[in-house]
Amino acid sequence: SLGTFSLALGQHGVNILAFQSYVEEGESLARFVVDEPAKAME
């Protein structure tokens, strides 16, 4: 799951600058800051 969205960002040229991931109540939550927020949102 984590690899799918993070690889998609990379394939579109979005660089993850800072990152944190953890599991809470059966879901994985990932917080991150990127170099291109508008492109990451797309």
PDB file of all heavy atoms in Angstrom:
ATOM      1  N   SER A   1       0.820  -1.217   0.000  1.00  0.00           N
ATOM      2  CA  SER A   1       0.000   0.000   0.000  1.00  0.00           C
ATOM      3  C   SER A   1       0.852   1.265   0.000  1.00  0.00           C
ATOM      4  O   SER A   1       0.610   2.191  -0.778  1.00  0.00           O
ATOM      5  CB  SER A   1      -0.934   0.021   1.206  1.00  0.00           C
ATOM      6  OG  SER A   1      -1.872  -1.020   1.125  1.00  0.00           O
ATOM      7  N   LEU A   2       1.823   1.318   0.868  1.00  0.00           N
ATOM      8  CA  LEU A   2       2.696   2.489   0.955  1.00  0.00           C
ATOM      9  C   LEU A   2       3.481   2.675  -0.343  1.00  0.00           C
ATOM     10  O   LEU A   2       3.602   3.779  -0.864  1.00  0.00           O
ATOM     11  CB  LEU A   2       3.661   2.334   2.136  1.00  0.00           C
ATOM     12  CG  LEU A   2       4.680   3.435   2.343  1.00  0.00           C
ATOM     13  CD1 LEU A   2       3.996   4.758   2.619  1.00  0.00           C
ATOM     14  CD2 LEU A   2       5.596   3.061   3.506  1.00  0.00           C
ATOM     15  N   GLY A   3       3.975   1.587  -0.889  1.00  0.00           N
ATOM     16  CA  GLY A   3       4.752   1.655  -2.122  1.00  0.00           C
ATOM     17  C   GLY A   3       3.959   2.162  -3.306  1.00  0.00           C
ATOM     18  O   GLY A   3       4.491   2.874  -4.167  1.00  0.00           O
ATOM     19  N   THR A   4       2.684   1.826  -3.373  1.00  0.00           N
ATOM     20  CA  THR A   4       1.858   2.204  -4.518  1.00  0.00           C
ATOM     21  C   THR A   4       1.762   3.713  -4.684  1.00  0.00           C
ATOM     22  O   THR A   4       2.054   4.248  -5.760  1.00  0.00           O
ATOM     23  CB  THR A   4       0.441   1.595  -4.391  1.00  0.00           C
ATOM     24  OG1 THR A   4       0.564   0.176  -4.357  1.00  0.00           O
ATOM     25  CG2 THR A   4      -0.443   2.001  -5.559  1.00  0.00           C
ATOM     26  N   PHE A   5       1.371   4.433  -3.632  1.00  0.00           N
ATOM     27  CA  PHE A   5       1.207   5.875  -3.801  1.00  0.00           C
ATOM     28  C   PHE A   5       2.546   6.594  -3.835  1.00  0.00           C
ATOM     29  O   PHE A   5       2.718   7.563  -4.566  1.00  0.00           O
ATOM     30  CB  PHE A   5       0.256   6.482  -2.759  1.00  0.00           C
ATOM     31  CG  PHE A   5       0.881   6.804  -1.444  1.00  0.00           C
ATOM     32  CD1 PHE A   5       1.571   7.983  -1.256  1.00  0.00           C
ATOM     33  CD2 PHE A   5       0.769   5.925  -0.381  1.00  0.00           C
ATOM     34  CE1 PHE A   5       2.147   8.279  -0.043  1.00  0.00           C
ATOM     35  CE2 PHE A   5       1.335   6.224   0.833  1.00  0.00           C
ATOM     36  CZ  PHE A   5       2.034   7.397   1.004  1.00  0.00           C
ATOM     37  N   SER A   6       3.528   6.120  -3.073  1.00  0.00           N
ATOM     38  CA  SER A   6       4.820   6.812  -3.085  1.00  0.00           C
ATOM     39  C   SER A   6       5.534   6.618  -4.421  1.00  0.00           C
ATOM     40  O   SER A   6       6.184   7.540  -4.929  1.00  0.00           O
ATOM     41  CB  SER A   6       5.690   6.391  -1.906  1.00  0.00           C
ATOM     42  OG  SER A   6       5.897   5.008  -1.883  1.00  0.00           O
ATOM     43  N   LEU A   7       5.401   5.457  -5.033  1.00  0.00           N
ATOM     44  CA  LEU A   7       5.978   5.236  -6.362  1.00  0.00           C
ATOM     45  C   LEU A   7       5.270   6.089  -7.404  1.00  0.00           C
ATOM     46  O   LEU A   7       5.911   6.662  -8.297  1.00  0.00           O
ATOM     47  CB  LEU A   7       5.907   3.756  -6.735  1.00  0.00           C
ATOM     48  CG  LEU A   7       6.547   3.388  -8.072  1.00  0.00           C
ATOM     49  CD1 LEU A   7       8.028   3.764  -8.091  1.00  0.00           C
ATOM     50  CD2 LEU A   7       6.374   1.904  -8.342  1.00  0.00           C
ATOM     51  N   ALA A   8       3.952   6.212  -7.290  1.00  0.00           N
ATOM     52  CA  ALA A   8       3.201   7.058  -8.226  1.00  0.00           C
ATOM     53  C   ALA A   8       3.695   8.505  -8.156  1.00  0.00           C
ATOM     54  O   ALA A   8       3.850   9.164  -9.188  1.00  0.00           O
ATOM     55  CB  ALA A   8       1.704   6.989  -7.923  1.00  0.00           C
ATOM     56  N   LEU A   9       3.967   8.997  -6.950  1.00  0.00           N
ATOM     57  CA  LEU A   9       4.508  10.355  -6.819  1.00  0.00           C
ATOM     58  C   LEU A   9       5.846  10.460  -7.547  1.00  0.00           C
ATOM     59  O   LEU A   9       6.076  11.390  -8.328  1.00  0.00           O
ATOM     60  CB  LEU A   9       4.671  10.723  -5.343  1.00  0.00           C
ATOM     61  CG  LEU A   9       3.383  10.939  -4.559  1.00  0.00           C
ATOM     62  CD1 LEU A   9       3.676  11.037  -3.066  1.00  0.00           C
ATOM     63  CD2 LEU A   9       2.644  12.174  -5.036  1.00  0.00           C
ATOM     64  N   GLY A  10       6.730   9.501  -7.290  1.00  0.00           N
ATOM     65  CA  GLY A  10       8.046   9.518  -7.917  1.00  0.00           C
ATOM     66  C   GLY A  10       7.990   9.431  -9.433  1.00  0.00           C
ATOM     67  O   GLY A  10       8.754  10.094 -10.137  1.00  0.00           O
ATOM     68  N   GLN A  11       7.086   8.626  -9.937  1.00  0.00           N
ATOM     69  CA  GLN A  11       6.955   8.481 -11.387  1.00  0.00           C
ATOM     70  C   GLN A  11       6.470   9.769 -12.060  1.00  0.00           C
ATOM     71  O   GLN A  11       6.658   9.959 -13.251  1.00  0.00           O
ATOM     72  CB  GLN A  11       6.013   7.325 -11.722  1.00  0.00           C
ATOM     73  CG  GLN A  11       6.623   5.973 -11.411  1.00  0.00           C
ATOM     74  CD  GLN A  11       5.640   4.824 -11.558  1.00  0.00           C
ATOM     75  OE1 GLN A  11       4.428   4.994 -11.420  1.00  0.00           O
ATOM     76  NE2 GLN A  11       6.173   3.639 -11.821  1.00  0.00           N
ATOM     77  N   HIS A  12       5.871  10.649 -11.276  1.00  0.00           N
ATOM     78  CA  HIS A  12       5.423  11.939 -11.788  1.00  0.00           C
ATOM     79  C   HIS A  12       6.384  13.067 -11.404  1.00  0.00           C
ATOM     80  O   HIS A  12       6.039  14.244 -11.493  1.00  0.00           O
ATOM     81  CB  HIS A  12       4.000  12.243 -11.303  1.00  0.00           C
ATOM     82  CG  HIS A  12       2.976  11.408 -11.983  1.00  0.00           C
ATOM     83  ND1 HIS A  12       2.629  10.148 -11.540  1.00  0.00           N
ATOM     84  CD2 HIS A  12       2.246  11.643 -13.099  1.00  0.00           C
ATOM     85  CE1 HIS A  12       1.718   9.645 -12.339  1.00  0.00           C
ATOM     86  NE2 HIS A  12       1.464  10.527 -13.305  1.00  0.00           N
ATOM     87  N   GLY A  13       7.579  12.708 -10.949  1.00  0.00           N
ATOM     88  CA  GLY A  13       8.605  13.698 -10.656  1.00  0.00           C
ATOM     89  C   GLY A  13       8.463  14.409  -9.333  1.00  0.00           C
ATOM     90  O   GLY A  13       9.125  15.423  -9.100  1.00  0.00           O
ATOM     91  N   VAL A  14       7.622  13.901  -8.430  1.00  0.00           N
ATOM     92  CA  VAL A  14       7.438  14.521  -7.121  1.00  0.00           C
ATOM     93  C   VAL A  14       8.415  13.869  -6.140  1.00  0.00           C
ATOM     94  O   VAL A  14       8.422  12.644  -5.985  1.00  0.00           O
ATOM     95  CB  VAL A  14       5.994  14.362  -6.608  1.00  0.00           C
ATOM     96  CG1 VAL A  14       5.837  14.956  -5.220  1.00  0.00           C
ATOM     97  CG2 VAL A  14       5.014  15.007  -7.583  1.00  0.00           C
ATOM     98  N   ASN A  15       9.226  14.685  -5.499  1.00  0.00           N
ATOM     99  CA  ASN A  15      10.220  14.196  -4.544  1.00  0.00           C
ATOM    100  C   ASN A  15       9.682  14.341  -3.115  1.00  0.00           C
ATOM    101  O   ASN A  15       9.272  15.427  -2.711  1.00  0.00           O
ATOM    102  CB  ASN A  15      11.522  14.980  -4.699  1.00  0.00           C
ATOM    103  CG  ASN A  15      12.674  14.359  -3.947  1.00  0.00           C
ATOM    104  OD1 ASN A  15      12.628  13.201  -3.554  1.00  0.00           O
ATOM    105  ND2 ASN A  15      13.712  15.145  -3.735  1.00  0.00           N
ATOM    106  N   ILE A  16       9.692  13.251  -2.366  1.00  0.00           N
ATOM    107  CA  ILE A  16       9.301  13.291  -0.956  1.00  0.00           C
ATOM    108  C   ILE A  16      10.516  13.754  -0.158  1.00  0.00           C
ATOM    109  O   ILE A  16      11.563  13.106  -0.161  1.00  0.00           O
ATOM    110  CB  ILE A  16       8.809  11.906  -0.480  1.00  0.00           C
ATOM    111  CG1 ILE A  16       7.553  11.501  -1.259  1.00  0.00           C
ATOM    112  CG2 ILE A  16       8.542  11.934   1.023  1.00  0.00           C
ATOM    113  CD1 ILE A  16       7.081  10.081  -0.987  1.00  0.00           C
ATOM    114  N   LEU A  17      10.386  14.893   0.535  1.00  0.00           N
ATOM    115  CA  LEU A  17      11.494  15.487   1.275  1.00  0.00           C
ATOM    116  C   LEU A  17      11.554  15.025   2.722  1.00  0.00           C
ATOM    117  O   LEU A  17      12.635  14.922   3.297  1.00  0.00           O
ATOM    118  CB  LEU A  17      11.387  17.018   1.232  1.00  0.00           C
ATOM    119  CG  LEU A  17      11.308  17.648  -0.157  1.00  0.00           C
ATOM    120  CD1 LEU A  17      11.088  19.146  -0.049  1.00  0.00           C
ATOM    121  CD2 LEU A  17      12.553  17.322  -0.965  1.00  0.00           C
ATOM    122  N   ALA A  18      10.400  14.807   3.336  1.00  0.00           N
ATOM    123  CA  ALA A  18      10.319  14.346   4.726  1.00  0.00           C
ATOM    124  C   ALA A  18       9.129  13.408   4.815  1.00  0.00           C
ATOM    125  O   ALA A  18       8.121  13.603   4.127  1.00  0.00           O
ATOM    126  CB  ALA A  18      10.151  15.520   5.683  1.00  0.00           C
ATOM    127  N   PHE A  19       9.246  12.401   5.685  1.00  0.00           N
ATOM    128  CA  PHE A  19       8.268  11.329   5.655  1.00  0.00           C
ATOM    129  C   PHE A  19       8.140  10.654   7.015  1.00  0.00           C
ATOM    130  O   PHE A  19       9.117  10.493   7.728  1.00  0.00           O
ATOM    131  CB  PHE A  19       8.732  10.310   4.611  1.00  0.00           C
ATOM    132  CG  PHE A  19       7.951   9.048   4.577  1.00  0.00           C
ATOM    133  CD1 PHE A  19       6.722   8.998   3.963  1.00  0.00           C
ATOM    134  CD2 PHE A  19       8.447   7.899   5.150  1.00  0.00           C
ATOM    135  CE1 PHE A  19       5.995   7.825   3.929  1.00  0.00           C
ATOM    136  CE2 PHE A  19       7.735   6.727   5.121  1.00  0.00           C
ATOM    137  CZ  PHE A  19       6.497   6.686   4.503  1.00  0.00           C
ATOM    138  N   GLN A  20       6.917  10.251   7.332  1.00  0.00           N
ATOM    139  CA  GLN A  20       6.619   9.486   8.539  1.00  0.00           C
ATOM    140  C   GLN A  20       5.462   8.550   8.210  1.00  0.00           C
ATOM    141  O   GLN A  20       4.514   8.951   7.532  1.00  0.00           O
ATOM    142  CB  GLN A  20       6.210  10.438   9.669  1.00  0.00           C
ATOM    143  CG  GLN A  20       5.721   9.765  10.913  1.00  0.00           C
ATOM    144  CD  GLN A  20       5.104  10.756  11.886  1.00  0.00           C
ATOM    145  OE1 GLN A  20       4.189  11.489  11.525  1.00  0.00           O
ATOM    146  NE2 GLN A  20       5.602  10.782  13.095  1.00  0.00           N
ATOM    147  N   SER A  21       5.537   7.315   8.676  1.00  0.00           N
ATOM    148  CA  SER A  21       4.455   6.369   8.452  1.00  0.00           C
ATOM    149  C   SER A  21       4.233   5.560   9.720  1.00  0.00           C
ATOM    150  O   SER A  21       5.184   5.229  10.421  1.00  0.00           O
ATOM    151  CB  SER A  21       4.815   5.428   7.292  1.00  0.00           C
ATOM    152  OG  SER A  21       3.805   4.477   7.103  1.00  0.00           O
ATOM    153  N   TYR A  22       2.979   5.235   9.994  1.00  0.00           N
ATOM    154  CA  TYR A  22       2.644   4.441  11.172  1.00  0.00           C
ATOM    155  C   TYR A  22       1.274   3.799  10.968  1.00  0.00           C
ATOM    156  O   TYR A  22       0.498   4.220  10.112  1.00  0.00           O
ATOM    157  CB  TYR A  22       2.671   5.283  12.449  1.00  0.00           C
ATOM    158  CG  TYR A  22       1.764   6.495  12.400  1.00  0.00           C
ATOM    159  CD1 TYR A  22       0.489   6.447  12.927  1.00  0.00           C
ATOM    160  CD2 TYR A  22       2.190   7.678  11.818  1.00  0.00           C
ATOM    161  CE1 TYR A  22      -0.342   7.543  12.874  1.00  0.00           C
ATOM    162  CE2 TYR A  22       1.368   8.784  11.761  1.00  0.00           C
ATOM    163  CZ  TYR A  22       0.102   8.715  12.290  1.00  0.00           C
ATOM    164  OH  TYR A  22      -0.726   9.807  12.231  1.00  0.00           O
ATOM    165  N   VAL A  23       1.006   2.774  11.752  1.00  0.00           N
ATOM    166  CA  VAL A  23      -0.271   2.068  11.681  1.00  0.00           C
ATOM    167  C   VAL A  23      -1.123   2.487  12.868  1.00  0.00           C
ATOM    168  O   VAL A  23      -0.644   2.562  13.998  1.00  0.00           O
ATOM    169  CB  VAL A  23      -0.062   0.543  11.682  1.00  0.00           C
ATOM    170  CG1 VAL A  23      -1.392  -0.188  11.749  1.00  0.00           C
ATOM    171  CG2 VAL A  23       0.720   0.122  10.448  1.00  0.00           C
ATOM    172  N   GLU A  24      -2.401   2.745  12.572  1.00  0.00           N
ATOM    173  CA  GLU A  24      -3.348   3.140  13.612  1.00  0.00           C
ATOM    174  C   GLU A  24      -4.698   2.531  13.266  1.00  0.00           C
ATOM    175  O   GLU A  24      -5.242   2.795  12.191  1.00  0.00           O
ATOM    176  CB  GLU A  24      -3.431   4.667  13.662  1.00  0.00           C
ATOM    177  CG  GLU A  24      -4.301   5.199  14.765  1.00  0.00           C
ATOM    178  CD  GLU A  24      -4.247   6.723  14.801  1.00  0.00           C
ATOM    179  OE1 GLU A  24      -3.327   7.254  15.447  1.00  0.00           O
ATOM    180  OE2 GLU A  24      -5.116   7.354  14.169  1.00  0.00           O
ATOM    181  N   GLU A  25      -5.210   1.693  14.147  1.00  0.00           N
ATOM    182  CA  GLU A  25      -6.529   1.088  13.997  1.00  0.00           C
ATOM    183  C   GLU A  25      -6.726   0.404  12.637  1.00  0.00           C
ATOM    184  O   GLU A  25      -7.726   0.628  11.950  1.00  0.00           O
ATOM    185  CB  GLU A  25      -7.615   2.136  14.256  1.00  0.00           C
ATOM    186  CG  GLU A  25      -7.571   2.696  15.667  1.00  0.00           C
ATOM    187  CD  GLU A  25      -8.651   3.739  15.924  1.00  0.00           C
ATOM    188  OE1 GLU A  25      -9.603   3.847  15.123  1.00  0.00           O
ATOM    189  OE2 GLU A  25      -8.527   4.438  16.935  1.00  0.00           O
ATOM    190  N   GLY A  26      -5.755  -0.386  12.224  1.00  0.00           N
ATOM    191  CA  GLY A  26      -5.888  -1.169  11.006  1.00  0.00           C
ATOM    192  C   GLY A  26      -5.630  -0.429   9.709  1.00  0.00           C
ATOM    193  O   GLY A  26      -5.800  -0.989   8.634  1.00  0.00           O
ATOM    194  N   GLU A  27      -5.243   0.827   9.798  1.00  0.00           N
ATOM    195  CA  GLU A  27      -4.919   1.603   8.613  1.00  0.00           C
ATOM    196  C   GLU A  27      -3.494   2.126   8.737  1.00  0.00           C
ATOM    197  O   GLU A  27      -3.004   2.363   9.837  1.00  0.00           O
ATOM    198  CB  GLU A  27      -5.863   2.800   8.456  1.00  0.00           C
ATOM    199  CG  GLU A  27      -7.294   2.410   8.200  1.00  0.00           C
ATOM    200  CD  GLU A  27      -8.190   3.618   8.050  1.00  0.00           C
ATOM    201  OE1 GLU A  27      -8.040   4.582   8.824  1.00  0.00           O
ATOM    202  OE2 GLU A  27      -9.035   3.589   7.160  1.00  0.00           O
ATOM    203  N   SER A  28      -2.854   2.300   7.619  1.00  0.00           N
ATOM    204  CA  SER A  28      -1.527   2.888   7.585  1.00  0.00           C
ATOM    205  C   SER A  28      -1.671   4.359   7.241  1.00  0.00           C
ATOM    206  O   SER A  28      -2.360   4.713   6.274  1.00  0.00           O
ATOM    207  CB  SER A  28      -0.663   2.176   6.545  1.00  0.00           C
ATOM    208  OG  SER A  28       0.637   2.715   6.534  1.00  0.00           O
ATOM    209  N   LEU A  29      -1.071   5.202   8.041  1.00  0.00           N
ATOM    210  CA  LEU A  29      -1.093   6.645   7.799  1.00  0.00           C
ATOM    211  C   LEU A  29       0.318   7.089   7.439  1.00  0.00           C
ATOM    212  O   LEU A  29       1.281   6.730   8.119  1.00  0.00           O
ATOM    213  CB  LEU A  29      -1.570   7.399   9.038  1.00  0.00           C
ATOM    214  CG  LEU A  29      -3.017   7.094   9.418  1.00  0.00           C
ATOM    215  CD1 LEU A  29      -3.234   7.258  10.894  1.00  0.00           C
ATOM    216  CD2 LEU A  29      -3.933   8.001   8.645  1.00  0.00           C
ATOM    217  N   ALA A  30       0.433   7.854   6.397  1.00  0.00           N
ATOM    218  CA  ALA A  30       1.723   8.386   5.974  1.00  0.00           C
ATOM    219  C   ALA A  30       1.619   9.900   5.900  1.00  0.00           C
ATOM    220  O   ALA A  30       0.726  10.430   5.229  1.00  0.00           O
ATOM    221  CB  ALA A  30       2.119   7.818   4.620  1.00  0.00           C
ATOM    222  N   ARG A  31       2.513  10.574   6.605  1.00  0.00           N
ATOM    223  CA  ARG A  31       2.606  12.034   6.530  1.00  0.00           C
ATOM    224  C   ARG A  31       3.871  12.353   5.751  1.00  0.00           C
ATOM    225  O   ARG A  31       4.911  11.747   5.986  1.00  0.00           O
ATOM    226  CB  ARG A  31       2.732  12.640   7.923  1.00  0.00           C
ATOM    227  CG  ARG A  31       1.483  12.614   8.722  1.00  0.00           C
ATOM    228  CD  ARG A  31       1.699  13.419  10.009  1.00  0.00           C
ATOM    229  NE  ARG A  31       0.435  13.657  10.633  1.00  0.00           N
ATOM    230  CZ  ARG A  31       0.135  13.283  11.866  1.00  0.00           C
ATOM    231  NH1 ARG A  31       1.013  12.678  12.615  1.00  0.00           N
ATOM    232  NH2 ARG A  31      -1.062  13.538  12.352  1.00  0.00           N
ATOM    233  N   PHE A  32       3.779  13.338   4.874  1.00  0.00           N
ATOM    234  CA  PHE A  32       4.977  13.702   4.137  1.00  0.00           C
ATOM    235  C   PHE A  32       4.902  15.114   3.578  1.00  0.00           C
ATOM    236  O   PHE A  32       3.824  15.678   3.409  1.00  0.00           O
ATOM    237  CB  PHE A  32       5.258  12.698   3.011  1.00  0.00           C
ATOM    238  CG  PHE A  32       4.126  12.492   2.058  1.00  0.00           C
ATOM    239  CD1 PHE A  32       4.017  13.248   0.906  1.00  0.00           C
ATOM    240  CD2 PHE A  32       3.155  11.532   2.311  1.00  0.00           C
ATOM    241  CE1 PHE A  32       2.971  13.060   0.020  1.00  0.00           C
ATOM    242  CE2 PHE A  32       2.109  11.329   1.425  1.00  0.00           C
ATOM    243  CZ  PHE A  32       2.013  12.098   0.280  1.00  0.00           C
ATOM    244  N   VAL A  33       6.085  15.667   3.324  1.00  0.00           N
ATOM    245  CA  VAL A  33       6.264  16.968   2.695  1.00  0.00           C
ATOM    246  C   VAL A  33       6.994  16.709   1.384  1.00  0.00           C
ATOM    247  O   VAL A  33       7.942  15.922   1.342  1.00  0.00           O
ATOM    248  CB  VAL A  33       7.086  17.919   3.599  1.00  0.00           C
ATOM    249  CG1 VAL A  33       7.384  19.232   2.894  1.00  0.00           C
ATOM    250  CG2 VAL A  33       6.358  18.168   4.919  1.00  0.00           C
ATOM    251  N   VAL A  34       6.539  17.350   0.319  1.00  0.00           N
ATOM    252  CA  VAL A  34       7.116  17.136  -1.014  1.00  0.00           C
ATOM    253  C   VAL A  34       7.637  18.449  -1.597  1.00  0.00           C
ATOM    254  O   VAL A  34       7.317  19.532  -1.101  1.00  0.00           O
ATOM    255  CB  VAL A  34       6.075  16.521  -1.979  1.00  0.00           C
ATOM    256  CG1 VAL A  34       5.634  15.151  -1.510  1.00  0.00           C
ATOM    257  CG2 VAL A  34       4.882  17.440  -2.159  1.00  0.00           C
ATOM    258  N   ASP A  35       8.388  18.318  -2.676  1.00  0.00           N
ATOM    259  CA  ASP A  35       8.916  19.510  -3.342  1.00  0.00           C
ATOM    260  C   ASP A  35       7.886  20.198  -4.231  1.00  0.00           C
ATOM    261  O   ASP A  35       8.002  21.389  -4.513  1.00  0.00           O
ATOM    262  CB  ASP A  35      10.180  19.180  -4.136  1.00  0.00           C
ATOM    263  CG  ASP A  35       9.952  18.174  -5.251  1.00  0.00           C
ATOM    264  OD1 ASP A  35       8.887  17.519  -5.292  1.00  0.00           O
ATOM    265  OD2 ASP A  35      10.870  18.025  -6.088  1.00  0.00           O
ATOM    266  N   GLU A  36       6.862  19.474  -4.681  1.00  0.00           N
ATOM    267  CA  GLU A  36       5.844  20.049  -5.562  1.00  0.00           C
ATOM    268  C   GLU A  36       4.441  19.665  -5.075  1.00  0.00           C
ATOM    269  O   GLU A  36       3.834  18.722  -5.574  1.00  0.00           O
ATOM    270  CB  GLU A  36       6.048  19.569  -6.991  1.00  0.00           C
ATOM    271  CG  GLU A  36       7.355  20.048  -7.608  1.00  0.00           C
ATOM    272  CD  GLU A  36       7.459  19.720  -9.069  1.00  0.00           C
ATOM    273  OE1 GLU A  36       6.529  20.096  -9.820  1.00  0.00           O
ATOM    274  OE2 GLU A  36       8.454  19.093  -9.450  1.00  0.00           O
ATOM    275  N   PRO A  37       3.910  20.419  -4.096  1.00  0.00           N
ATOM    276  CA  PRO A  37       2.603  20.070  -3.519  1.00  0.00           C
ATOM    277  C   PRO A  37       1.454  20.031  -4.521  1.00  0.00           C
ATOM    278  O   PRO A  37       0.600  19.148  -4.445  1.00  0.00           O
ATOM    279  CB  PRO A  37       2.370  21.160  -2.467  1.00  0.00           C
ATOM    280  CG  PRO A  37       3.716  21.701  -2.156  1.00  0.00           C
ATOM    281  CD  PRO A  37       4.527  21.557  -3.401  1.00  0.00           C
ATOM    282  N   ALA A  38       1.405  20.956  -5.467  1.00  0.00           N
ATOM    283  CA  ALA A  38       0.292  20.969  -6.433  1.00  0.00           C
ATOM    284  C   ALA A  38       0.306  19.705  -7.292  1.00  0.00           C
ATOM    285  O   ALA A  38      -0.736  19.088  -7.531  1.00  0.00           O
ATOM    286  CB  ALA A  38       0.362  22.216  -7.310  1.00  0.00           C
ATOM    287  N   LYS A  39       1.486  19.302  -7.725  1.00  0.00           N
ATOM    288  CA  LYS A  39       1.595  18.094  -8.544  1.00  0.00           C
ATOM    289  C   LYS A  39       1.270  16.864  -7.698  1.00  0.00           C
ATOM    290  O   LYS A  39       0.617  15.933  -8.169  1.00  0.00           O
ATOM    291  CB  LYS A  39       2.997  17.968  -9.132  1.00  0.00           C
ATOM    292  CG  LYS A  39       3.086  16.868 -10.181  1.00  0.00           C
ATOM    293  CD  LYS A  39       4.497  16.695 -10.715  1.00  0.00           C
ATOM    294  CE  LYS A  39       4.818  17.724 -11.748  1.00  0.00           C
ATOM    295  NZ  LYS A  39       6.123  17.451 -12.423  1.00  0.00           N
ATOM    296  N   ALA A  40       1.702  16.864  -6.426  1.00  0.00           N
ATOM    297  CA  ALA A  40       1.396  15.739  -5.535  1.00  0.00           C
ATOM    298  C   ALA A  40      -0.106  15.591  -5.367  1.00  0.00           C
ATOM    299  O   ALA A  40      -0.628  14.470  -5.386  1.00  0.00           O
ATOM    300  CB  ALA A  40       2.070  15.932  -4.177  1.00  0.00           C
ATOM    301  N   MET A  41      -0.809  16.698  -5.237  1.00  0.00           N
ATOM    302  CA  MET A  41      -2.258  16.646  -5.082  1.00  0.00           C
ATOM    303  C   MET A  41      -2.906  16.030  -6.324  1.00  0.00           C
ATOM    304  O   MET A  41      -3.810  15.207  -6.197  1.00  0.00           O
ATOM    305  CB  MET A  41      -2.837  18.035  -4.816  1.00  0.00           C
ATOM    306  CG  MET A  41      -4.295  17.961  -4.443  1.00  0.00           C
ATOM    307  SD  MET A  41      -5.122  19.509  -3.993  1.00  0.00           S
ATOM    308  CE  MET A  41      -3.864  20.681  -3.791  1.00  0.00           C
ATOM    309  N   GLU A  42      -2.435  16.400  -7.494  1.00  0.00           N
ATOM    310  CA  GLU A  42      -2.964  15.820  -8.734  1.00  0.00           C
ATOM    311  C   GLU A  42      -2.749  14.308  -8.766  1.00  0.00           C
ATOM    312  O   GLU A  42      -3.660  13.551  -9.117  1.00  0.00           O
ATOM    313  CB  GLU A  42      -2.259  16.433  -9.949  1.00  0.00           C
ATOM    314  CG  GLU A  42      -2.662  17.837 -10.276  1.00  0.00           C
ATOM    315  CD  GLU A  42      -1.868  18.367 -11.474  1.00  0.00           C
ATOM    316  OE1 GLU A  42      -1.533  17.575 -12.382  1.00  0.00           O
ATOM    317  OE2 GLU A  42      -1.587  19.576 -11.485  1.00  0.00           O
TER     318      GLU A  42
END
